Amino acid sequence: MAFTTRTGPEAMSEINVTPLVDVMLVLLIIFMITAPLLAQGVKVDLPKTKSTQIESKEQKLVLTMTAEGKYFIGETEVPRENLSAVLSSNAKLKRDRELYLHADRKLPYGDVVAVMSLVKEAGVESLGMVTDPLEIERK
């Protein structure tokens, strides 16, 4: 029996993982930077046309925020610390999953967004912003 010896380069039996590790580290950095940006924010569906008055036979549930920092659900005043519990236990809100927010224009933007986030956590799927109609001066 004759054995032949190979002359020339040997076949490499190890995989070079350095390029794979480099690509994975770059992807990890990209996900670490973009993930917090995607997780923040409150989703609100904005209309694509001019706003019109909502006409409905059924009374809608309205959360009002006054400039003095008071909160009202309908006509009932609710303390800020109880707002989440009251929203979560409201039967009409559980059924309709719809709420209208009427916030005073003097309120800081952060306060309104915090309440919008709280409303979303309470299970509201449709949040409407109540505004006064824009008055156009005619000459």
N, C-alpha and C. Protein backbone atom coordinates (compact mmCIF):
# COMPACT_ATOMS: atom_id res chain seq x y z
N MET A 1 0.83 -1.15 0.00
CA MET A 1 0.00 0.00 0.00
C MET A 1 0.89 1.24 0.00
N ALA A 2 0.60 2.13 -0.89
CA ALA A 2 1.45 3.30 -1.03
C ALA A 2 0.70 4.53 -0.53
N PHE A 3 1.40 5.30 0.28
CA PHE A 3 0.82 6.55 0.79
C PHE A 3 1.38 7.71 -0.02
N THR A 4 0.49 8.61 -0.38
CA THR A 4 0.97 9.78 -1.10
C THR A 4 0.94 10.97 -0.15
N THR A 5 1.90 11.79 -0.25
CA THR A 5 1.95 13.00 0.56
C THR A 5 1.57 14.18 -0.31
N ARG A 6 0.92 15.08 0.31
CA ARG A 6 0.48 16.26 -0.39
C ARG A 6 1.51 17.34 -0.28
N THR A 7 1.77 17.94 -1.35
CA THR A 7 2.67 19.09 -1.31
C THR A 7 1.85 20.31 -1.66
N GLY A 8 1.98 21.33 -0.92
CA GLY A 8 1.21 22.54 -1.17
C GLY A 8 0.50 22.97 0.10
N PRO A 9 -0.32 24.00 -0.01
CA PRO A 9 -0.99 24.53 1.18
C PRO A 9 -1.99 23.52 1.75
N GLU A 10 -2.04 23.48 3.03
CA GLU A 10 -2.98 22.61 3.75
C GLU A 10 -4.37 23.25 3.74
N ALA A 11 -5.40 22.44 3.78
CA ALA A 11 -6.77 22.95 3.86
C ALA A 11 -6.99 23.50 5.27
N MET A 12 -7.59 24.67 5.33
CA MET A 12 -7.82 25.30 6.63
C MET A 12 -9.11 24.75 7.23
N SER A 13 -9.03 24.21 8.42
CA SER A 13 -10.20 23.59 9.02
C SER A 13 -10.90 24.51 10.02
N GLU A 14 -10.40 25.72 10.27
CA GLU A 14 -11.02 26.67 11.20
C GLU A 14 -11.69 27.79 10.42
N ILE A 15 -12.80 28.26 10.97
CA ILE A 15 -13.53 29.36 10.34
C ILE A 15 -13.04 30.67 10.95
N ASN A 16 -12.80 31.65 10.10
CA ASN A 16 -12.38 32.96 10.57
C ASN A 16 -13.63 33.73 11.00
N VAL A 17 -13.81 33.92 12.32
CA VAL A 17 -15.01 34.56 12.84
C VAL A 17 -14.85 36.05 13.06
N THR A 18 -13.70 36.59 12.82
CA THR A 18 -13.46 38.02 13.06
C THR A 18 -14.41 38.91 12.25
N PRO A 19 -14.60 38.67 10.94
CA PRO A 19 -15.56 39.52 10.21
C PRO A 19 -16.98 39.38 10.74
N LEU A 20 -17.37 38.18 11.15
CA LEU A 20 -18.71 37.98 11.70
C LEU A 20 -18.89 38.76 13.00
N VAL A 21 -17.89 38.74 13.86
CA VAL A 21 -17.95 39.48 15.12
C VAL A 21 -18.02 40.97 14.85
N ASP A 22 -17.25 41.45 13.88
CA ASP A 22 -17.29 42.88 13.53
C ASP A 22 -18.68 43.31 13.08
N VAL A 23 -19.30 42.54 12.22
CA VAL A 23 -20.64 42.87 11.73
C VAL A 23 -21.65 42.83 12.87
N MET A 24 -21.55 41.83 13.73
CA MET A 24 -22.48 41.72 14.86
C MET A 24 -22.33 42.90 15.82
N LEU A 25 -21.12 43.35 16.08
CA LEU A 25 -20.92 44.50 16.96
C LEU A 25 -21.50 45.78 16.35
N VAL A 26 -21.35 45.96 15.05
CA VAL A 26 -21.93 47.13 14.39
C VAL A 26 -23.46 47.08 14.48
N LEU A 27 -24.05 45.91 14.23
CA LEU A 27 -25.50 45.79 14.35
C LEU A 27 -25.98 46.02 15.77
N LEU A 28 -25.23 45.53 16.75
CA LEU A 28 -25.58 45.74 18.15
C LEU A 28 -25.59 47.23 18.49
N ILE A 29 -24.60 47.95 18.03
CA ILE A 29 -24.52 49.39 18.29
C ILE A 29 -25.70 50.11 17.63
N ILE A 30 -26.03 49.73 16.40
CA ILE A 30 -27.15 50.35 15.70
C ILE A 30 -28.46 50.12 16.46
N PHE A 31 -28.69 48.89 16.91
CA PHE A 31 -29.92 48.60 17.65
C PHE A 31 -29.94 49.29 19.01
N MET A 32 -28.79 49.42 19.66
CA MET A 32 -28.74 50.09 20.95
C MET A 32 -29.08 51.57 20.81
N ILE A 33 -28.72 52.17 19.70
CA ILE A 33 -28.99 53.59 19.49
C ILE A 33 -30.44 53.81 19.06
N THR A 34 -30.96 52.96 18.17
CA THR A 34 -32.30 53.20 17.63
C THR A 34 -33.44 52.68 18.50
N ALA A 35 -33.22 51.67 19.32
CA ALA A 35 -34.30 51.09 20.12
C ALA A 35 -34.94 52.11 21.08
N PRO A 36 -34.18 52.90 21.84
CA PRO A 36 -34.84 53.88 22.72
C PRO A 36 -35.63 54.93 21.95
N LEU A 37 -35.19 55.27 20.75
CA LEU A 37 -35.91 56.26 19.96
C LEU A 37 -37.25 55.71 19.48
N LEU A 38 -37.32 54.42 19.20
CA LEU A 38 -38.56 53.82 18.74
C LEU A 38 -39.54 53.59 19.88
N ALA A 39 -39.03 53.36 21.08
CA ALA A 39 -39.89 53.03 22.21
C ALA A 39 -40.58 54.26 22.79
N GLN A 40 -40.07 55.45 22.59
CA GLN A 40 -40.65 56.65 23.16
C GLN A 40 -41.68 57.23 22.22
N GLY A 41 -42.58 57.99 22.80
CA GLY A 41 -43.59 58.67 21.99
C GLY A 41 -44.97 58.12 22.25
N VAL A 42 -45.95 58.90 21.93
CA VAL A 42 -47.34 58.53 22.09
C VAL A 42 -47.96 58.52 20.71
N LYS A 43 -48.56 57.42 20.35
CA LYS A 43 -49.15 57.31 19.03
C LYS A 43 -50.51 58.00 19.01
N VAL A 44 -50.66 58.93 18.10
CA VAL A 44 -51.93 59.64 17.94
C VAL A 44 -52.23 59.66 16.44
N ASP A 45 -53.42 59.23 16.08
CA ASP A 45 -53.82 59.27 14.68
C ASP A 45 -54.34 60.67 14.37
N LEU A 46 -53.63 61.36 13.51
CA LEU A 46 -54.01 62.73 13.15
C LEU A 46 -54.81 62.71 11.85
N PRO A 47 -55.82 63.57 11.75
CA PRO A 47 -56.61 63.59 10.52
C PRO A 47 -55.82 64.19 9.36
N LYS A 48 -56.14 63.78 8.16
CA LYS A 48 -55.47 64.27 6.97
C LYS A 48 -56.20 65.44 6.32
N THR A 49 -57.36 65.77 6.83
CA THR A 49 -58.15 66.86 6.25
C THR A 49 -58.41 67.93 7.30
N LYS A 50 -59.07 68.97 6.90
CA LYS A 50 -59.43 70.01 7.85
C LYS A 50 -60.34 69.42 8.91
N SER A 51 -60.17 69.90 10.14
CA SER A 51 -60.99 69.35 11.21
C SER A 51 -62.42 69.87 11.10
N THR A 52 -63.33 68.99 11.39
CA THR A 52 -64.74 69.36 11.38
C THR A 52 -65.34 68.99 12.72
N GLN A 53 -66.48 69.53 13.00
CA GLN A 53 -67.15 69.25 14.25
C GLN A 53 -67.71 67.83 14.22
N ILE A 54 -67.49 67.12 15.31
CA ILE A 54 -67.97 65.75 15.41
C ILE A 54 -69.43 65.80 15.83
N GLU A 55 -70.27 65.20 15.00
CA GLU A 55 -71.69 65.15 15.33
C GLU A 55 -72.04 63.74 15.70
N SER A 56 -72.54 63.59 16.91
CA SER A 56 -72.88 62.27 17.40
C SER A 56 -74.08 62.38 18.31
N LYS A 57 -74.92 61.35 18.26
CA LYS A 57 -76.09 61.32 19.13
C LYS A 57 -75.69 60.86 20.53
N GLU A 58 -74.59 60.12 20.61
CA GLU A 58 -74.14 59.58 21.89
C GLU A 58 -73.15 60.55 22.54
N GLN A 59 -73.27 60.68 23.85
CA GLN A 59 -72.37 61.55 24.61
C GLN A 59 -70.98 60.90 24.67
N LYS A 60 -69.94 61.64 24.33
CA LYS A 60 -68.58 61.13 24.35
C LYS A 60 -67.93 61.42 25.70
N LEU A 61 -66.98 60.58 26.09
CA LEU A 61 -66.25 60.75 27.34
C LEU A 61 -65.12 61.75 27.11
N VAL A 62 -65.07 62.82 27.91
CA VAL A 62 -64.08 63.88 27.74
C VAL A 62 -63.26 64.02 29.01
N LEU A 63 -61.93 64.03 28.84
CA LEU A 63 -61.00 64.32 29.94
C LEU A 63 -60.53 65.75 29.75
N THR A 64 -60.78 66.61 30.74
CA THR A 64 -60.43 68.02 30.66
C THR A 64 -59.28 68.32 31.61
N MET A 65 -58.27 69.04 31.09
CA MET A 65 -57.14 69.51 31.89
C MET A 65 -57.21 71.03 31.91
N THR A 66 -57.32 71.61 33.10
CA THR A 66 -57.41 73.06 33.22
C THR A 66 -56.02 73.67 33.41
N ALA A 67 -55.93 74.98 33.23
CA ALA A 67 -54.66 75.67 33.41
C ALA A 67 -54.18 75.63 34.86
N GLU A 68 -55.11 75.44 35.77
CA GLU A 68 -54.77 75.36 37.20
C GLU A 68 -54.27 73.98 37.60
N GLY A 69 -54.25 73.03 36.68
CA GLY A 69 -53.76 71.69 36.98
C GLY A 69 -54.83 70.75 37.51
N LYS A 70 -56.09 71.08 37.26
CA LYS A 70 -57.19 70.21 37.70
C LYS A 70 -57.60 69.32 36.55
N TYR A 71 -58.07 68.11 36.89
CA TYR A 71 -58.49 67.13 35.90
C TYR A 71 -59.96 66.80 36.12
N PHE A 72 -60.71 66.73 35.02
CA PHE A 72 -62.13 66.41 35.08
C PHE A 72 -62.43 65.33 34.06
N ILE A 73 -63.19 64.32 34.48
CA ILE A 73 -63.74 63.34 33.54
C ILE A 73 -65.22 63.66 33.48
N GLY A 74 -65.62 64.19 32.34
CA GLY A 74 -66.97 64.73 32.23
C GLY A 74 -67.04 65.97 33.09
N GLU A 75 -67.88 65.97 34.11
CA GLU A 75 -68.02 67.10 35.02
C GLU A 75 -67.43 66.81 36.40
N THR A 76 -66.89 65.60 36.57
CA THR A 76 -66.39 65.16 37.87
C THR A 76 -64.90 65.41 37.98
N GLU A 77 -64.49 66.13 39.03
CA GLU A 77 -63.07 66.39 39.26
C GLU A 77 -62.39 65.13 39.79
N VAL A 78 -61.20 64.84 39.24
CA VAL A 78 -60.43 63.66 39.63
C VAL A 78 -59.03 64.12 40.02
N PRO A 79 -58.54 63.73 41.19
CA PRO A 79 -57.15 64.07 41.55
C PRO A 79 -56.16 63.40 40.59
N ARG A 80 -55.05 64.06 40.33
CA ARG A 80 -54.03 63.55 39.39
C ARG A 80 -53.57 62.15 39.77
N GLU A 81 -53.35 61.90 41.08
CA GLU A 81 -52.84 60.60 41.50
C GLU A 81 -53.86 59.48 41.32
N ASN A 82 -55.15 59.79 41.21
CA ASN A 82 -56.18 58.78 41.01
C ASN A 82 -56.63 58.66 39.55
N LEU A 83 -56.06 59.47 38.67
CA LEU A 83 -56.51 59.52 37.29
C LEU A 83 -56.38 58.17 36.58
N SER A 84 -55.26 57.51 36.76
CA SER A 84 -55.04 56.22 36.11
C SER A 84 -56.05 55.18 36.57
N ALA A 85 -56.30 55.12 37.87
CA ALA A 85 -57.24 54.14 38.42
C ALA A 85 -58.66 54.42 37.94
N VAL A 86 -59.04 55.70 37.90
CA VAL A 86 -60.39 56.06 37.46
C VAL A 86 -60.58 55.73 35.99
N LEU A 87 -59.57 56.01 35.16
CA LEU A 87 -59.67 55.70 33.74
C LEU A 87 -59.74 54.19 33.51
N SER A 88 -58.94 53.43 34.24
CA SER A 88 -58.91 51.97 34.07
C SER A 88 -60.22 51.32 34.49
N SER A 89 -60.93 51.92 35.44
CA SER A 89 -62.15 51.31 35.95
C SER A 89 -63.43 51.89 35.31
N ASN A 90 -63.30 52.82 34.40
CA ASN A 90 -64.47 53.44 33.78
C ASN A 90 -65.11 52.48 32.78
N ALA A 91 -66.38 52.15 32.99
CA ALA A 91 -67.09 51.17 32.16
C ALA A 91 -67.24 51.66 30.72
N LYS A 92 -67.58 52.93 30.52
CA LYS A 92 -67.76 53.48 29.17
C LYS A 92 -66.44 53.45 28.40
N LEU A 93 -65.36 53.75 29.09
CA LEU A 93 -64.04 53.75 28.46
C LEU A 93 -63.62 52.32 28.08
N LYS A 94 -63.93 51.36 28.94
CA LYS A 94 -63.61 49.96 28.63
C LYS A 94 -64.39 49.48 27.41
N ARG A 95 -65.63 49.92 27.30
CA ARG A 95 -66.48 49.47 26.20
C ARG A 95 -66.10 50.15 24.89
N ASP A 96 -66.01 51.48 24.90
CA ASP A 96 -65.76 52.24 23.66
C ASP A 96 -64.29 52.33 23.29
N ARG A 97 -63.41 52.33 24.30
CA ARG A 97 -61.96 52.53 24.10
C ARG A 97 -61.69 53.83 23.35
N GLU A 98 -62.51 54.85 23.65
CA GLU A 98 -62.42 56.14 22.97
C GLU A 98 -62.53 57.25 24.01
N LEU A 99 -61.65 58.24 23.90
CA LEU A 99 -61.64 59.35 24.85
C LEU A 99 -61.26 60.62 24.11
N TYR A 100 -61.82 61.73 24.56
CA TYR A 100 -61.48 63.04 23.99
C TYR A 100 -60.77 63.85 25.06
N LEU A 101 -59.66 64.47 24.69
CA LEU A 101 -58.84 65.25 25.60
C LEU A 101 -59.01 66.73 25.30
N HIS A 102 -59.41 67.48 26.32
CA HIS A 102 -59.58 68.92 26.19
C HIS A 102 -58.59 69.57 27.15
N ALA A 103 -57.46 70.03 26.62
CA ALA A 103 -56.40 70.59 27.45
C ALA A 103 -56.28 72.09 27.20
N ASP A 104 -56.10 72.83 28.27
CA ASP A 104 -55.93 74.28 28.19
C ASP A 104 -54.64 74.60 27.43
N ARG A 105 -54.68 75.62 26.60
CA ARG A 105 -53.51 75.95 25.78
C ARG A 105 -52.32 76.45 26.60
N LYS A 106 -52.54 76.86 27.85
CA LYS A 106 -51.46 77.37 28.68
C LYS A 106 -50.68 76.27 29.38
N LEU A 107 -51.16 75.03 29.28
CA LEU A 107 -50.47 73.91 29.93
C LEU A 107 -49.16 73.60 29.21
N PRO A 108 -48.14 73.21 29.96
CA PRO A 108 -46.89 72.79 29.31
C PRO A 108 -47.12 71.53 28.47
N TYR A 109 -46.43 71.46 27.37
CA TYR A 109 -46.55 70.33 26.44
C TYR A 109 -46.27 69.00 27.15
N GLY A 110 -45.29 68.98 28.04
CA GLY A 110 -44.92 67.76 28.74
C GLY A 110 -46.05 67.22 29.60
N ASP A 111 -46.83 68.11 30.23
CA ASP A 111 -47.96 67.66 31.05
C ASP A 111 -49.03 66.99 30.20
N VAL A 112 -49.30 67.55 29.03
CA VAL A 112 -50.32 66.99 28.14
C VAL A 112 -49.85 65.62 27.62
N VAL A 113 -48.59 65.51 27.24
CA VAL A 113 -48.07 64.25 26.73
C VAL A 113 -48.06 63.19 27.82
N ALA A 114 -47.76 63.58 29.05
CA ALA A 114 -47.78 62.62 30.17
C ALA A 114 -49.18 62.07 30.37
N VAL A 115 -50.19 62.92 30.28
CA VAL A 115 -51.58 62.45 30.43
C VAL A 115 -51.97 61.58 29.24
N MET A 116 -51.51 61.93 28.04
CA MET A 116 -51.80 61.11 26.86
C MET A 116 -51.20 59.71 27.03
N SER A 117 -50.01 59.62 27.58
CA SER A 117 -49.38 58.33 27.84
C SER A 117 -50.17 57.55 28.89
N LEU A 118 -50.63 58.23 29.91
CA LEU A 118 -51.43 57.61 30.96
C LEU A 118 -52.73 57.06 30.39
N VAL A 119 -53.34 57.81 29.50
CA VAL A 119 -54.59 57.40 28.85
C VAL A 119 -54.35 56.15 28.00
N LYS A 120 -53.24 56.12 27.31
CA LYS A 120 -52.91 54.96 26.47
C LYS A 120 -52.72 53.72 27.34
N GLU A 121 -52.06 53.88 28.48
CA GLU A 121 -51.86 52.76 29.40
C GLU A 121 -53.19 52.26 29.97
N ALA A 122 -54.18 53.12 30.04
CA ALA A 122 -55.50 52.75 30.57
C ALA A 122 -56.31 51.96 29.55
N GLY A 123 -55.79 51.81 28.33
CA GLY A 123 -56.47 50.99 27.33
C GLY A 123 -57.21 51.75 26.26
N VAL A 124 -57.01 53.05 26.18
CA VAL A 124 -57.69 53.85 25.15
C VAL A 124 -57.00 53.62 23.81
N GLU A 125 -57.80 53.27 22.81
CA GLU A 125 -57.24 53.04 21.47
C GLU A 125 -57.41 54.25 20.56
N SER A 126 -58.43 55.07 20.83
CA SER A 126 -58.70 56.24 20.01
C SER A 126 -58.76 57.47 20.91
N LEU A 127 -57.80 58.37 20.73
CA LEU A 127 -57.75 59.60 21.53
C LEU A 127 -57.97 60.79 20.61
N GLY A 128 -59.01 61.55 20.90
CA GLY A 128 -59.31 62.74 20.12
C GLY A 128 -58.94 63.98 20.90
N MET A 129 -58.46 65.00 20.19
CA MET A 129 -58.09 66.26 20.81
C MET A 129 -59.21 67.26 20.52
N VAL A 130 -59.79 67.81 21.58
CA VAL A 130 -60.88 68.78 21.44
C VAL A 130 -60.27 70.16 21.33
N THR A 131 -60.68 70.89 20.31
CA THR A 131 -60.18 72.25 20.11
C THR A 131 -61.36 73.19 19.85
N ASP A 132 -61.09 74.45 19.97
CA ASP A 132 -62.08 75.46 19.59
C ASP A 132 -61.89 75.76 18.11
N PRO A 133 -62.98 76.07 17.42
CA PRO A 133 -62.83 76.38 15.99
C PRO A 133 -62.02 77.66 15.78
N LEU A 134 -61.25 77.67 14.74
CA LEU A 134 -60.44 78.82 14.38
C LEU A 134 -61.33 79.90 13.80
N GLU A 135 -61.26 81.10 14.36
CA GLU A 135 -62.07 82.20 13.87
C GLU A 135 -61.26 82.99 12.86
N ILE A 136 -61.80 83.09 11.66
CA ILE A 136 -61.13 83.81 10.59
C ILE A 136 -61.75 85.21 10.50
N GLU A 137 -60.88 86.21 10.59
CA GLU A 137 -61.36 87.59 10.51
C GLU A 137 -61.68 87.93 9.07
N ARG A 138 -62.85 88.50 8.85
CA ARG A 138 -63.25 88.90 7.50
C ARG A 138 -63.18 90.42 7.38
N LYS A 139 -62.67 90.88 6.29
CA LYS A 139 -62.55 92.32 6.05
C LYS A 139 -63.68 92.84 5.23
